[in-house]
Amino acid sequence: MTTEMNTLGLRARAAAKALAQASTDQKNAALRAMAQHIRAEATTILTANAKDLAAAASKDLKSSFVDRLTLNPSRIEAMATGLEDIAGLKDPVGRVMEKWARPNGMEISRIAVPVGVIGIIYESRPNVTADAGGLCLKSGNAAILRGGSDGIETSKAIITCLQAGLDDAGLSPDAIQMVATSDRAAVGEMLQGLNGTIDLIVPRGGKNLVARVQAEARVPVFSHLEGLCHVYVDKDADLDMAKAIVLNAKMRRTGVCGSAETILIDQAIANTALEPIIRTLIDAGCEIRGDAATQSADKAVKPAAEEDWSTEYLDAIVSMRVVNGVEEAMTHIAKYGSQHTDSIITANAATAEKFLREVDSAIVLHNASTQFADGGEFGFGAEIGIATGKLHARGPVGVEQLTTFKYQIRGTGQIRP
């Protein structure tokens, strides 16, 4: 195992060195070729996915997990389109981030450069294989992908398409490699850095995965904690807007990290807004676990336990609480949230600005669904994940966030006195 993994790292390091010098046209040609191969091999990918789904059927997996694992023709087309969208983005490598001159005549520039080799560890989400590979390529980084064992056949089929696209464009297929074993020891070796060949680890998955990465990693990590997302309905909210946003935030796709897990209702409008919002969710098939005030509004509401306020359900379940205005809502979010994505619904501009300014999350929204926590919706083309840490990258991790920088200094013979 160790020899095999170290060889993977060495090949990625060599590919990264060449890729850092690749032209924008060459990278874009590879991305478009990858998209063509994915479309051409759609049947092969679906056949591989059927094998993974058949194996998953024998396990007691949540419906949201199976949904993330499942591919269909439209999702395959979305992967191909996503790669083409990445090709259409500006090349982040080589951009001048800032430039200035010193009194001694030296010119200093801060230039964006690739990170190098990025290890992406994720659970069984086939689309991440294409998104992560494409984003790393565009940003000039080599990628070592380790997907979940439940989707290993699907990932292999997708990786074959990505490597074929690289080859078509004259780039090394080693620029995007996959850890082909489901042995968990491979994750441990990646976290140790593969003898210094991995520069950055990006985890994308559940709480247990991220906790392991943070505990064991010996290389820098982009934190991606669970999405304990909140929607706060303020006393000045439009009720029809509130119902529509809450419904979308929770039920559009319950298995994504931007799905709302807790709804907070201002007690000033509890008599008029609580029951309609509860009914909207229940009629859509959502289970509600609420505090005493919420339970009193509808007998279908189940009592919430303390752990419900810190649970990422990733299912058609939501917790609901009545709070005393925006201050108590923000206190609840600070205590139970994961600094991922939180939204306020209000027509009061001052209250909205207070919430946007003071809630310490990577993404904070006003009068919009938390399901917009997505790199594509930000115009990034795609994302590797939502970073919830505070260093280097925060929010959707797209091509710009996958670069670092260096300083270039141009002189005319200056020496330091």
Foldseek 3Di string as FASTA:
>chain_A
DLVVLLVLLVLQQVLLVVLQPDDLVLLLQLLLQLLVLLLVCVVVLQVLLVVLLVVCVVDDDDPLLSVQQDDDVVNSNLLSQLSNLLSVDDQQFFDFPDWDADPVGKIKTKGWTFLEEEEEEEENHLSLLSQVLSQCSSLSYAYEYEYAPSNLSSSVSSLVSSLVSCVVSVGHSSSYHYDNDNPCVSVLCVLAPSVVSHAEYEYYYAQVRQVVSVVRHPHHYQRFYAQQEEEEEFPAFDQVLVLVQLCCLAPVQLQDRLRHAEYEYEPNCCVPRLLVSVCSLVVVPAAEAEDPSSCVSDVSHHHDDPCSLQDSPSDRYHYYYYDHGDVRVLVSCVVRGLLAEYEYGHPDPVSQVCQVPPRRHLYYYYSHHSVCQFCVSVSLSGASHAGGDDPQDGGGHGNNSSIDIDMDMDDDDDDDD
